[in-house]
Amino acid sequence: MPLYESVVIARQDIATTQVDTLADELTAILTEGGGKVTKRESWGLRTLTYRIKKNRKGHYVLFNIEAPSAAINEYERRMRINEDVLRYLTVRVEELEEGPSAVLQNKDRPDTGRGGFFGSGRGGRDGGDRPGGGGFGRGRPREDGDREGGRFSSGRRPRDESPQGEV
């Protein structure tokens, strides 16, 4: 029987118990079609790279599946109909991975402080590695003679607020 890995992303505003219920329903669909789920992992609520249907986060669930293609077709059809499913991806594999997935293995590692493109504070939009601070109002102060200590760099003082003609 063919082997598949499937990842499902559910909406952020449903409870964890509802995610478990959804996963149970999807497992039941596969068993009705003559397949079986060999592993099911809940990766929890994770931040999405970009918004999907106005959601910034999603509940991730991984399935390792051993099922005929007809059962997979029905499984995917039901996910397309379900409002709680934001995205899903099912991939046929040669062999199923044993033990915890890479996501669960890395969950215990301490955060190194290096996010994606802009999460690290280095390079990217922050411009930490670029000379001049990279702009965006951060980094070194301007050196083009803007203002220093209440005086203009030309040495002249700002104009008085007193009316003209008074001494």
C-alpha atoms as a PDB file:
ATOM      1  CA  MET A   1       0.000   0.000   0.000  1.00  0.00           C
ATOM      2  CA  PRO A   2       1.329   3.529  -0.774  1.00  0.00           C
ATOM      3  CA  LEU A   3       2.822   5.638   2.036  1.00  0.00           C
ATOM      4  CA  TYR A   4       2.074   9.345   2.559  1.00  0.00           C
ATOM      5  CA  GLU A   5       3.008  12.201   4.858  1.00  0.00           C
ATOM      6  CA  SER A   6       0.430  14.911   5.365  1.00  0.00           C
ATOM      7  CA  VAL A   7       0.579  18.217   7.243  1.00  0.00           C
ATOM      8  CA  VAL A   8      -2.642  20.065   8.053  1.00  0.00           C
ATOM      9  CA  ILE A   9      -2.866  23.674   9.266  1.00  0.00           C
ATOM     10  CA  ALA A  10      -6.026  24.551  11.194  1.00  0.00           C
ATOM     11  CA  ARG A  11      -7.319  28.018  12.112  1.00  0.00           C
ATOM     12  CA  GLN A  12      -5.772  29.817  15.084  1.00  0.00           C
ATOM     13  CA  ASP A  13      -9.043  30.636  16.831  1.00  0.00           C
ATOM     14  CA  ILE A  14     -10.172  27.047  17.435  1.00  0.00           C
ATOM     15  CA  ALA A  15      -9.277  25.294  20.689  1.00  0.00           C
ATOM     16  CA  THR A  16      -6.702  22.529  20.962  1.00  0.00           C
ATOM     17  CA  THR A  17      -9.502  20.063  21.758  1.00  0.00           C
ATOM     18  CA  GLN A  18     -11.205  21.019  18.482  1.00  0.00           C
ATOM     19  CA  VAL A  19      -7.925  20.401  16.646  1.00  0.00           C
ATOM     20  CA  ASP A  20      -7.755  16.928  18.209  1.00  0.00           C
ATOM     21  CA  THR A  21     -11.369  16.296  17.162  1.00  0.00           C
ATOM     22  CA  LEU A  22     -10.533  17.416  13.606  1.00  0.00           C
ATOM     23  CA  ALA A  23      -7.531  15.063  13.555  1.00  0.00           C
ATOM     24  CA  ASP A  24      -9.752  12.209  14.788  1.00  0.00           C
ATOM     25  CA  GLU A  25     -12.255  12.920  11.993  1.00  0.00           C
ATOM     26  CA  LEU A  26      -9.495  12.891   9.383  1.00  0.00           C
ATOM     27  CA  THR A  27      -8.143   9.630  10.793  1.00  0.00           C
ATOM     28  CA  ALA A  28     -11.646   8.107  10.603  1.00  0.00           C
ATOM     29  CA  ILE A  29     -11.933   9.132   6.934  1.00  0.00           C
ATOM     30  CA  LEU A  30      -8.700   7.301   6.149  1.00  0.00           C
ATOM     31  CA  THR A  31      -9.672   4.153   8.055  1.00  0.00           C
ATOM     32  CA  GLU A  32     -13.064   4.073   6.273  1.00  0.00           C
ATOM     33  CA  GLY A  33     -11.190   4.131   2.974  1.00  0.00           C
ATOM     34  CA  GLY A  34      -9.076   1.123   3.921  1.00  0.00           C
ATOM     35  CA  GLY A  35      -5.996   2.943   5.180  1.00  0.00           C
ATOM     36  CA  LYS A  36      -4.390   3.559   8.533  1.00  0.00           C
ATOM     37  CA  VAL A  37      -2.570   6.377  10.279  1.00  0.00           C
ATOM     38  CA  THR A  38       0.731   5.083  11.637  1.00  0.00           C
ATOM     39  CA  LYS A  39       1.798   8.318  13.363  1.00  0.00           C
ATOM     40  CA  ARG A  40       0.034  11.531  14.350  1.00  0.00           C
ATOM     41  CA  GLU A  41       1.899  14.516  15.814  1.00  0.00           C
ATOM     42  CA  SER A  42       0.476  17.790  16.964  1.00  0.00           C
ATOM     43  CA  TRP A  43       3.049  20.539  16.508  1.00  0.00           C
ATOM     44  CA  GLY A  44       0.902  23.101  18.313  1.00  0.00           C
ATOM     45  CA  LEU A  45       0.114  26.711  17.480  1.00  0.00           C
ATOM     46  CA  ARG A  46       2.851  28.133  15.255  1.00  0.00           C
ATOM     47  CA  THR A  47       3.325  31.465  13.507  1.00  0.00           C
ATOM     48  CA  LEU A  48       2.678  31.433   9.773  1.00  0.00           C
ATOM     49  CA  THR A  49       5.183  32.985   7.389  1.00  0.00           C
ATOM     50  CA  TYR A  50       2.412  35.039   5.794  1.00  0.00           C
ATOM     51  CA  ARG A  51      -1.269  35.611   6.503  1.00  0.00           C
ATOM     52  CA  ILE A  52      -3.697  32.963   5.277  1.00  0.00           C
ATOM     53  CA  LYS A  53      -7.376  33.924   5.304  1.00  0.00           C
ATOM     54  CA  LYS A  54      -6.667  36.667   7.899  1.00  0.00           C
ATOM     55  CA  ASN A  55      -4.853  34.235  10.235  1.00  0.00           C
ATOM     56  CA  ARG A  56      -1.327  34.911  11.487  1.00  0.00           C
ATOM     57  CA  LYS A  57      -0.993  31.593  13.336  1.00  0.00           C
ATOM     58  CA  GLY A  58      -2.179  28.044  12.821  1.00  0.00           C
ATOM     59  CA  HIS A  59      -2.409  24.682  14.569  1.00  0.00           C
ATOM     60  CA  TYR A  60      -0.143  22.183  12.767  1.00  0.00           C
ATOM     61  CA  VAL A  61      -0.793  18.415  12.708  1.00  0.00           C
ATOM     62  CA  LEU A  62       1.394  15.809  10.958  1.00  0.00           C
ATOM     63  CA  PHE A  63       0.066  12.423   9.785  1.00  0.00           C
ATOM     64  CA  ASN A  64       2.030   9.412   8.540  1.00  0.00           C
ATOM     65  CA  ILE A  65      -0.450   7.490   6.403  1.00  0.00           C
ATOM     66  CA  GLU A  66      -0.564   4.089   4.786  1.00  0.00           C
ATOM     67  CA  ALA A  67      -3.611   4.126   2.494  1.00  0.00           C
ATOM     68  CA  PRO A  68      -4.833   3.580  -1.072  1.00  0.00           C
ATOM     69  CA  SER A  69      -5.081   6.622  -3.326  1.00  0.00           C
ATOM     70  CA  ALA A  70      -8.905   6.600  -3.230  1.00  0.00           C
ATOM     71  CA  ALA A  71      -8.805   7.131   0.550  1.00  0.00           C
ATOM     72  CA  ILE A  72      -6.327  10.018   0.124  1.00  0.00           C
ATOM     73  CA  ASN A  73      -8.597  11.637  -2.480  1.00  0.00           C
ATOM     74  CA  GLU A  74     -11.555  11.511  -0.075  1.00  0.00           C
ATOM     75  CA  TYR A  75      -9.341  12.786   2.793  1.00  0.00           C
ATOM     76  CA  GLU A  76      -8.245  15.803   0.732  1.00  0.00           C
ATOM     77  CA  ARG A  77     -11.771  16.445  -0.556  1.00  0.00           C
ATOM     78  CA  ARG A  78     -13.099  16.671   3.001  1.00  0.00           C
ATOM     79  CA  MET A  79     -10.279  19.030   4.010  1.00  0.00           C
ATOM     80  CA  ARG A  80     -11.162  21.364   1.132  1.00  0.00           C
ATOM     81  CA  ILE A  81     -14.737  21.538   2.443  1.00  0.00           C
ATOM     82  CA  ASN A  82     -13.829  22.001   6.127  1.00  0.00           C
ATOM     83  CA  GLU A  83     -13.745  25.660   7.219  1.00  0.00           C
ATOM     84  CA  ASP A  84     -11.272  24.994  10.024  1.00  0.00           C
ATOM     85  CA  VAL A  85      -8.519  23.793   7.644  1.00  0.00           C
ATOM     86  CA  LEU A  86      -6.429  26.648   6.253  1.00  0.00           C
ATOM     87  CA  ARG A  87      -3.923  24.585   4.253  1.00  0.00           C
ATOM     88  CA  TYR A  88      -2.849  20.991   3.807  1.00  0.00           C
ATOM     89  CA  LEU A  89      -0.084  19.185   1.971  1.00  0.00           C
ATOM     90  CA  THR A  90       0.002  15.456   1.285  1.00  0.00           C
ATOM     91  CA  VAL A  91       3.141  13.937  -0.213  1.00  0.00           C
ATOM     92  CA  ARG A  92       3.793  10.349  -1.240  1.00  0.00           C
ATOM     93  CA  VAL A  93       7.011   8.979   0.277  1.00  0.00           C
ATOM     94  CA  GLU A  94       9.086   5.835  -0.207  1.00  0.00           C
ATOM     95  CA  GLU A  95       9.232   5.054   3.506  1.00  0.00           C
ATOM     96  CA  LEU A  96       7.738   6.563   6.645  1.00  0.00           C
ATOM     97  CA  GLU A  97       9.947   8.294   9.174  1.00  0.00           C
ATOM     98  CA  GLU A  98      10.216   6.545  12.537  1.00  0.00           C
ATOM     99  CA  GLY A  99      10.418   8.451  15.805  1.00  0.00           C
ATOM    100  CA  PRO A 100       9.664  12.122  16.355  1.00  0.00           C
ATOM    101  CA  SER A 101       9.739  14.485  13.397  1.00  0.00           C
ATOM    102  CA  ALA A 102      12.390  17.168  12.936  1.00  0.00           C
ATOM    103  CA  VAL A 103       9.972  19.830  14.191  1.00  0.00           C
ATOM    104  CA  LEU A 104       9.494  18.065  17.528  1.00  0.00           C
ATOM    105  CA  GLN A 105      13.218  17.329  17.834  1.00  0.00           C
ATOM    106  CA  ASN A 106      14.087  21.017  17.394  1.00  0.00           C
ATOM    107  CA  LYS A 107      11.330  22.176  19.745  1.00  0.00           C
ATOM    108  CA  ASP A 108      13.503  21.370  22.783  1.00  0.00           C
ATOM    109  CA  ARG A 109      16.549  23.256  21.488  1.00  0.00           C
ATOM    110  CA  PRO A 110      17.062  26.761  22.895  1.00  0.00           C
ATOM    111  CA  ASP A 111      16.279  29.634  20.570  1.00  0.00           C
ATOM    112  CA  THR A 112      19.439  31.107  19.064  1.00  0.00           C
ATOM    113  CA  GLY A 113      17.793  34.496  18.551  1.00  0.00           C
ATOM    114  CA  ARG A 114      18.056  34.222  14.802  1.00  0.00           C
ATOM    115  CA  GLY A 115      14.641  34.367  13.259  1.00  0.00           C
ATOM    116  CA  GLY A 116      13.779  34.365   9.594  1.00  0.00           C
ATOM    117  CA  PHE A 117      14.659  37.258   7.361  1.00  0.00           C
ATOM    118  CA  PHE A 118      14.025  40.072   9.815  1.00  0.00           C
ATOM    119  CA  GLY A 119      13.909  38.367  13.205  1.00  0.00           C
ATOM    120  CA  SER A 120      17.614  38.370  13.975  1.00  0.00           C
ATOM    121  CA  GLY A 121      18.298  42.075  14.217  1.00  0.00           C
ATOM    122  CA  ARG A 122      21.257  41.546  11.900  1.00  0.00           C
ATOM    123  CA  GLY A 123      21.209  42.303   8.220  1.00  0.00           C
ATOM    124  CA  GLY A 124      17.937  42.460   6.345  1.00  0.00           C
ATOM    125  CA  ARG A 125      15.616  45.333   7.056  1.00  0.00           C
ATOM    126  CA  ASP A 126      17.305  46.348  10.324  1.00  0.00           C
ATOM    127  CA  GLY A 127      20.555  46.953   8.468  1.00  0.00           C
ATOM    128  CA  GLY A 128      22.756  46.049  11.414  1.00  0.00           C
ATOM    129  CA  ASP A 129      25.574  44.840   9.162  1.00  0.00           C
ATOM    130  CA  ARG A 130      25.342  47.643   6.661  1.00  0.00           C
ATOM    131  CA  PRO A 131      27.353  50.830   7.056  1.00  0.00           C
ATOM    132  CA  GLY A 132      25.273  53.813   8.108  1.00  0.00           C
ATOM    133  CA  GLY A 133      22.840  51.719  10.109  1.00  0.00           C
ATOM    134  CA  GLY A 134      20.662  50.843   7.146  1.00  0.00           C
ATOM    135  CA  GLY A 135      18.227  53.739   7.517  1.00  0.00           C
ATOM    136  CA  PHE A 136      14.679  53.262   8.801  1.00  0.00           C
ATOM    137  CA  GLY A 137      15.420  55.635  11.708  1.00  0.00           C
ATOM    138  CA  ARG A 138      17.906  53.329  13.407  1.00  0.00           C
ATOM    139  CA  GLY A 139      21.668  53.111  13.546  1.00  0.00           C
ATOM    140  CA  ARG A 140      24.147  55.983  13.649  1.00  0.00           C
ATOM    141  CA  PRO A 141      22.998  59.604  13.826  1.00  0.00           C
ATOM    142  CA  ARG A 142      23.070  61.570  10.626  1.00  0.00           C
ATOM    143  CA  GLU A 143      26.320  63.286   9.751  1.00  0.00           C
ATOM    144  CA  ASP A 144      25.085  65.713   7.147  1.00  0.00           C
ATOM    145  CA  GLY A 145      25.002  68.788   9.389  1.00  0.00           C
ATOM    146  CA  ASP A 146      21.426  68.457  10.582  1.00  0.00           C
ATOM    147  CA  ARG A 147      21.554  69.773  14.165  1.00  0.00           C
ATOM    148  CA  GLU A 148      24.013  69.440  17.003  1.00  0.00           C
ATOM    149  CA  GLY A 149      23.321  70.600  20.542  1.00  0.00           C
ATOM    150  CA  GLY A 150      20.582  73.109  19.694  1.00  0.00           C
ATOM    151  CA  ARG A 151      22.688  74.944  17.109  1.00  0.00           C
ATOM    152  CA  PHE A 152      22.929  74.438  13.425  1.00  0.00           C
ATOM    153  CA  SER A 153      26.238  73.087  12.178  1.00  0.00           C
ATOM    154  CA  SER A 154      26.894  76.396  10.395  1.00  0.00           C
ATOM    155  CA  GLY A 155      27.384  78.028  13.798  1.00  0.00           C
ATOM    156  CA  ARG A 156      24.449  80.421  13.617  1.00  0.00           C
ATOM    157  CA  ARG A 157      21.869  80.377  16.354  1.00  0.00           C
ATOM    158  CA  PRO A 158      18.184  79.701  15.791  1.00  0.00           C
ATOM    159  CA  ARG A 159      15.968  82.785  15.449  1.00  0.00           C
ATOM    160  CA  ASP A 160      14.442  84.297  18.598  1.00  0.00           C
ATOM    161  CA  GLU A 161      10.736  83.896  19.269  1.00  0.00           C
ATOM    162  CA  SER A 162      10.426  87.590  20.263  1.00  0.00           C
ATOM    163  CA  PRO A 163       8.510  90.015  17.992  1.00  0.00           C
ATOM    164  CA  GLN A 164      10.540  92.083  15.578  1.00  0.00           C
ATOM    165  CA  GLY A 165      11.550  95.563  16.576  1.00  0.00           C
ATOM    166  CA  GLU A 166      12.029  94.818  20.264  1.00  0.00           C
ATOM    167  CA  VAL A 167      15.478  94.930  21.697  1.00  0.00           C
END
